[in-house]
Amino acid sequence: MREGGRGAFWGWALVRGESMEPALSAGDRLLVSYRRRPAPGDVVVARFPDGTLTVKRAAERRTTGWWLLSDNARAGVDSRHRGPVADADVLAVVLARAWPRPARRL
Protein backbone atom coordinates (compact mmCIF):
# COMPACT_ATOMS: atom_id res chain seq x y z
CA MET A 1 0.00 0.00 0.00
CA ARG A 2 1.36 3.41 -0.92
CA GLU A 3 0.27 6.54 0.84
CA GLY A 4 -0.20 9.90 -0.83
CA GLY A 5 1.95 11.57 1.84
CA ARG A 6 1.58 12.43 5.50
CA GLY A 7 -2.06 13.09 6.40
CA ALA A 8 -3.24 11.92 2.97
CA PHE A 9 -6.93 11.52 2.31
CA TRP A 10 -6.45 8.72 -0.23
CA GLY A 11 -3.86 6.35 -1.64
CA TRP A 12 -3.34 3.15 -3.60
CA ALA A 13 -3.30 -0.54 -2.69
CA LEU A 14 -2.34 -3.57 -4.77
CA VAL A 15 -4.19 -6.88 -4.46
CA ARG A 16 -2.04 -9.99 -4.04
CA GLY A 17 -3.43 -13.50 -3.95
CA GLU A 18 -6.85 -15.00 -4.59
CA SER A 19 -8.62 -14.41 -1.27
CA MET A 20 -10.94 -11.69 -2.61
CA GLU A 21 -11.99 -13.39 -5.86
CA PRO A 22 -14.31 -13.00 -7.68
CA ALA A 23 -14.67 -9.31 -6.69
CA LEU A 24 -10.91 -8.59 -6.78
CA SER A 25 -8.03 -10.44 -8.42
CA ALA A 26 -4.27 -10.47 -7.97
CA GLY A 27 -2.79 -7.38 -9.62
CA ASP A 28 -5.86 -5.17 -9.20
CA ARG A 29 -4.99 -1.63 -8.14
CA LEU A 30 -7.35 -0.04 -5.63
CA LEU A 31 -8.11 3.56 -4.77
CA VAL A 32 -8.46 3.77 -0.97
CA SER A 33 -9.60 6.38 1.54
CA TYR A 34 -7.63 6.80 4.78
CA ARG A 35 -10.32 9.04 6.26
CA ARG A 36 -13.52 7.10 5.61
CA ARG A 37 -14.79 4.95 8.46
CA PRO A 38 -15.57 1.35 7.55
CA ALA A 39 -19.09 -0.02 7.49
CA PRO A 40 -20.21 -3.65 7.29
CA GLY A 41 -19.82 -4.84 3.70
CA ASP A 42 -16.97 -2.45 2.83
CA VAL A 43 -13.71 -3.80 1.43
CA VAL A 44 -10.87 -2.55 3.63
CA VAL A 45 -7.09 -2.56 3.91
CA ALA A 46 -6.02 -3.76 7.36
CA ARG A 47 -2.95 -4.83 9.30
CA PHE A 48 -2.95 -8.15 11.15
CA PRO A 49 -1.11 -8.23 14.52
CA ASP A 50 1.97 -9.77 12.86
CA GLY A 51 2.25 -6.72 10.57
CA THR A 52 0.83 -8.37 7.43
CA LEU A 53 -1.20 -5.98 5.26
CA THR A 54 -4.37 -7.47 3.84
CA VAL A 55 -7.42 -6.59 1.74
CA LYS A 56 -10.62 -8.11 3.19
CA ARG A 57 -14.34 -7.47 3.52
CA ALA A 58 -15.51 -5.94 6.81
CA ALA A 59 -18.22 -8.39 7.90
CA GLU A 60 -19.17 -6.83 11.23
CA ARG A 61 -17.96 -4.60 14.05
CA ARG A 62 -17.53 -6.49 17.32
CA THR A 63 -16.61 -5.13 20.74
CA THR A 64 -13.01 -6.24 20.19
CA GLY A 65 -12.66 -4.95 16.62
CA TRP A 66 -13.64 -5.71 13.03
CA TRP A 67 -14.40 -9.23 11.82
CA LEU A 68 -12.77 -9.38 8.37
CA LEU A 69 -13.49 -12.10 5.83
CA SER A 70 -12.14 -13.23 2.48
CA ASP A 71 -14.69 -13.32 -0.35
CA ASN A 72 -13.04 -16.59 -1.41
CA ALA A 73 -13.28 -18.69 1.76
CA ARG A 74 -10.93 -21.36 0.34
CA ALA A 75 -8.03 -18.96 -0.11
CA GLY A 76 -6.22 -16.69 2.27
CA VAL A 77 -6.27 -15.98 5.97
CA ASP A 78 -8.90 -13.84 7.69
CA SER A 79 -10.58 -13.32 11.07
CA ARG A 80 -11.63 -16.97 11.18
CA HIS A 81 -7.92 -17.73 11.61
CA ARG A 82 -6.63 -14.61 13.41
CA GLY A 83 -9.63 -13.16 15.22
CA PRO A 84 -10.95 -9.59 15.04
CA VAL A 85 -8.80 -6.69 13.87
CA ALA A 86 -8.58 -3.61 16.12
CA ASP A 87 -10.14 -0.38 14.83
CA ALA A 88 -6.71 1.27 14.64
CA ASP A 89 -5.48 -1.53 12.36
CA VAL A 90 -8.21 -1.01 9.76
CA LEU A 91 -6.13 1.44 7.73
CA ALA A 92 -8.29 2.32 4.72
CA VAL A 93 -11.60 1.73 2.97
CA VAL A 94 -11.52 0.74 -0.70
CA LEU A 95 -13.33 3.30 -2.86
CA ALA A 96 -12.85 1.71 -6.29
CA ARG A 97 -10.83 -0.68 -8.37
CA ALA A 98 -8.79 1.60 -10.61
CA TRP A 99 -6.98 -0.98 -12.73
CA PRO A 100 -7.91 -2.98 -14.61
CA ARG A 101 -10.86 -0.83 -15.47
CA PRO A 102 -13.86 -1.88 -13.34
CA ALA A 103 -16.37 -4.15 -15.05
CA ARG A 104 -18.15 -5.14 -11.86
CA ARG A 105 -19.00 -3.64 -8.51
CA LEU A 106 -17.01 -4.55 -5.39
C-alpha atoms as a PDB file:
ATOM      1  CA  MET A   1       0.000   0.000   0.000  1.00  0.00           C
ATOM      2  CA  ARG A   2       1.363   3.415  -0.921  1.00  0.00           C
ATOM      3  CA  GLU A   3       0.270   6.544   0.839  1.00  0.00           C
ATOM      4  CA  GLY A   4      -0.198   9.901  -0.832  1.00  0.00           C
ATOM      5  CA  GLY A   5       1.954  11.569   1.841  1.00  0.00           C
ATOM      6  CA  ARG A   6       1.578  12.430   5.501  1.00  0.00           C
ATOM      7  CA  GLY A   7      -2.055  13.089   6.403  1.00  0.00           C
ATOM      8  CA  ALA A   8      -3.235  11.920   2.975  1.00  0.00           C
ATOM      9  CA  PHE A   9      -6.932  11.518   2.306  1.00  0.00           C
ATOM     10  CA  TRP A  10      -6.454   8.721  -0.227  1.00  0.00           C
ATOM     11  CA  GLY A  11      -3.865   6.347  -1.636  1.00  0.00           C
ATOM     12  CA  TRP A  12      -3.344   3.150  -3.602  1.00  0.00           C
ATOM     13  CA  ALA A  13      -3.298  -0.535  -2.695  1.00  0.00           C
ATOM     14  CA  LEU A  14      -2.338  -3.565  -4.771  1.00  0.00           C
ATOM     15  CA  VAL A  15      -4.186  -6.882  -4.457  1.00  0.00           C
ATOM     16  CA  ARG A  16      -2.037  -9.992  -4.043  1.00  0.00           C
ATOM     17  CA  GLY A  17      -3.426 -13.499  -3.952  1.00  0.00           C
ATOM     18  CA  GLU A  18      -6.847 -15.002  -4.586  1.00  0.00           C
ATOM     19  CA  SER A  19      -8.622 -14.411  -1.269  1.00  0.00           C
ATOM     20  CA  MET A  20     -10.942 -11.688  -2.606  1.00  0.00           C
ATOM     21  CA  GLU A  21     -11.992 -13.388  -5.860  1.00  0.00           C
ATOM     22  CA  PRO A  22     -14.309 -12.999  -7.677  1.00  0.00           C
ATOM     23  CA  ALA A  23     -14.665  -9.306  -6.691  1.00  0.00           C
ATOM     24  CA  LEU A  24     -10.915  -8.594  -6.779  1.00  0.00           C
ATOM     25  CA  SER A  25      -8.035 -10.443  -8.418  1.00  0.00           C
ATOM     26  CA  ALA A  26      -4.272 -10.466  -7.973  1.00  0.00           C
ATOM     27  CA  GLY A  27      -2.788  -7.382  -9.623  1.00  0.00           C
ATOM     28  CA  ASP A  28      -5.864  -5.170  -9.200  1.00  0.00           C
ATOM     29  CA  ARG A  29      -4.991  -1.628  -8.141  1.00  0.00           C
ATOM     30  CA  LEU A  30      -7.352  -0.044  -5.635  1.00  0.00           C
ATOM     31  CA  LEU A  31      -8.108   3.561  -4.768  1.00  0.00           C
ATOM     32  CA  VAL A  32      -8.462   3.766  -0.969  1.00  0.00           C
ATOM     33  CA  SER A  33      -9.601   6.377   1.542  1.00  0.00           C
ATOM     34  CA  TYR A  34      -7.634   6.800   4.776  1.00  0.00           C
ATOM     35  CA  ARG A  35     -10.317   9.039   6.264  1.00  0.00           C
ATOM     36  CA  ARG A  36     -13.517   7.095   5.608  1.00  0.00           C
ATOM     37  CA  ARG A  37     -14.792   4.950   8.459  1.00  0.00           C
ATOM     38  CA  PRO A  38     -15.569   1.349   7.549  1.00  0.00           C
ATOM     39  CA  ALA A  39     -19.092  -0.024   7.492  1.00  0.00           C
ATOM     40  CA  PRO A  40     -20.206  -3.647   7.289  1.00  0.00           C
ATOM     41  CA  GLY A  41     -19.822  -4.839   3.698  1.00  0.00           C
ATOM     42  CA  ASP A  42     -16.967  -2.454   2.834  1.00  0.00           C
ATOM     43  CA  VAL A  43     -13.714  -3.800   1.431  1.00  0.00           C
ATOM     44  CA  VAL A  44     -10.867  -2.550   3.628  1.00  0.00           C
ATOM     45  CA  VAL A  45      -7.093  -2.565   3.913  1.00  0.00           C
ATOM     46  CA  ALA A  46      -6.019  -3.757   7.360  1.00  0.00           C
ATOM     47  CA  ARG A  47      -2.948  -4.829   9.296  1.00  0.00           C
ATOM     48  CA  PHE A  48      -2.950  -8.149  11.149  1.00  0.00           C
ATOM     49  CA  PRO A  49      -1.110  -8.230  14.521  1.00  0.00           C
ATOM     50  CA  ASP A  50       1.973  -9.772  12.862  1.00  0.00           C
ATOM     51  CA  GLY A  51       2.245  -6.717  10.568  1.00  0.00           C
ATOM     52  CA  THR A  52       0.834  -8.371   7.435  1.00  0.00           C
ATOM     53  CA  LEU A  53      -1.195  -5.981   5.259  1.00  0.00           C
ATOM     54  CA  THR A  54      -4.375  -7.467   3.842  1.00  0.00           C
ATOM     55  CA  VAL A  55      -7.423  -6.585   1.741  1.00  0.00           C
ATOM     56  CA  LYS A  56     -10.616  -8.108   3.185  1.00  0.00           C
ATOM     57  CA  ARG A  57     -14.343  -7.475   3.518  1.00  0.00           C
ATOM     58  CA  ALA A  58     -15.513  -5.942   6.809  1.00  0.00           C
ATOM     59  CA  ALA A  59     -18.217  -8.390   7.903  1.00  0.00           C
ATOM     60  CA  GLU A  60     -19.175  -6.829  11.230  1.00  0.00           C
ATOM     61  CA  ARG A  61     -17.956  -4.603  14.046  1.00  0.00           C
ATOM     62  CA  ARG A  62     -17.526  -6.487  17.320  1.00  0.00           C
ATOM     63  CA  THR A  63     -16.614  -5.130  20.735  1.00  0.00           C
ATOM     64  CA  THR A  64     -13.006  -6.238  20.189  1.00  0.00           C
ATOM     65  CA  GLY A  65     -12.661  -4.949  16.617  1.00  0.00           C
ATOM     66  CA  TRP A  66     -13.637  -5.707  13.033  1.00  0.00           C
ATOM     67  CA  TRP A  67     -14.398  -9.227  11.823  1.00  0.00           C
ATOM     68  CA  LEU A  68     -12.771  -9.380   8.375  1.00  0.00           C
ATOM     69  CA  LEU A  69     -13.489 -12.104   5.835  1.00  0.00           C
ATOM     70  CA  SER A  70     -12.140 -13.228   2.482  1.00  0.00           C
ATOM     71  CA  ASP A  71     -14.688 -13.322  -0.354  1.00  0.00           C
ATOM     72  CA  ASN A  72     -13.037 -16.595  -1.410  1.00  0.00           C
ATOM     73  CA  ALA A  73     -13.280 -18.694   1.756  1.00  0.00           C
ATOM     74  CA  ARG A  74     -10.933 -21.363   0.336  1.00  0.00           C
ATOM     75  CA  ALA A  75      -8.028 -18.961  -0.113  1.00  0.00           C
ATOM     76  CA  GLY A  76      -6.220 -16.689   2.275  1.00  0.00           C
ATOM     77  CA  VAL A  77      -6.274 -15.979   5.969  1.00  0.00           C
ATOM     78  CA  ASP A  78      -8.901 -13.841   7.691  1.00  0.00           C
ATOM     79  CA  SER A  79     -10.581 -13.315  11.075  1.00  0.00           C
ATOM     80  CA  ARG A  80     -11.632 -16.972  11.176  1.00  0.00           C
ATOM     81  CA  HIS A  81      -7.924 -17.726  11.615  1.00  0.00           C
ATOM     82  CA  ARG A  82      -6.629 -14.614  13.405  1.00  0.00           C
ATOM     83  CA  GLY A  83      -9.630 -13.155  15.216  1.00  0.00           C
ATOM     84  CA  PRO A  84     -10.948  -9.594  15.042  1.00  0.00           C
ATOM     85  CA  VAL A  85      -8.797  -6.688  13.869  1.00  0.00           C
ATOM     86  CA  ALA A  86      -8.579  -3.612  16.122  1.00  0.00           C
ATOM     87  CA  ASP A  87     -10.136  -0.379  14.830  1.00  0.00           C
ATOM     88  CA  ALA A  88      -6.708   1.273  14.643  1.00  0.00           C
ATOM     89  CA  ASP A  89      -5.480  -1.534  12.363  1.00  0.00           C
ATOM     90  CA  VAL A  90      -8.206  -1.006   9.758  1.00  0.00           C
ATOM     91  CA  LEU A  91      -6.129   1.440   7.727  1.00  0.00           C
ATOM     92  CA  ALA A  92      -8.286   2.323   4.719  1.00  0.00           C
ATOM     93  CA  VAL A  93     -11.599   1.731   2.972  1.00  0.00           C
ATOM     94  CA  VAL A  94     -11.520   0.737  -0.700  1.00  0.00           C
ATOM     95  CA  LEU A  95     -13.325   3.297  -2.861  1.00  0.00           C
ATOM     96  CA  ALA A  96     -12.850   1.712  -6.286  1.00  0.00           C
ATOM     97  CA  ARG A  97     -10.835  -0.679  -8.373  1.00  0.00           C
ATOM     98  CA  ALA A  98      -8.791   1.599 -10.608  1.00  0.00           C
ATOM     99  CA  TRP A  99      -6.976  -0.976 -12.731  1.00  0.00           C
ATOM    100  CA  PRO A 100      -7.906  -2.982 -14.606  1.00  0.00           C
ATOM    101  CA  ARG A 101     -10.857  -0.829 -15.468  1.00  0.00           C
ATOM    102  CA  PRO A 102     -13.860  -1.883 -13.336  1.00  0.00           C
ATOM    103  CA  ALA A 103     -16.369  -4.146 -15.051  1.00  0.00           C
ATOM    104  CA  ARG A 104     -18.147  -5.143 -11.863  1.00  0.00           C
ATOM    105  CA  ARG A 105     -18.999  -3.636  -8.512  1.00  0.00           C
ATOM    106  CA  LEU A 106     -17.012  -4.545  -5.392  1.00  0.00           C
END
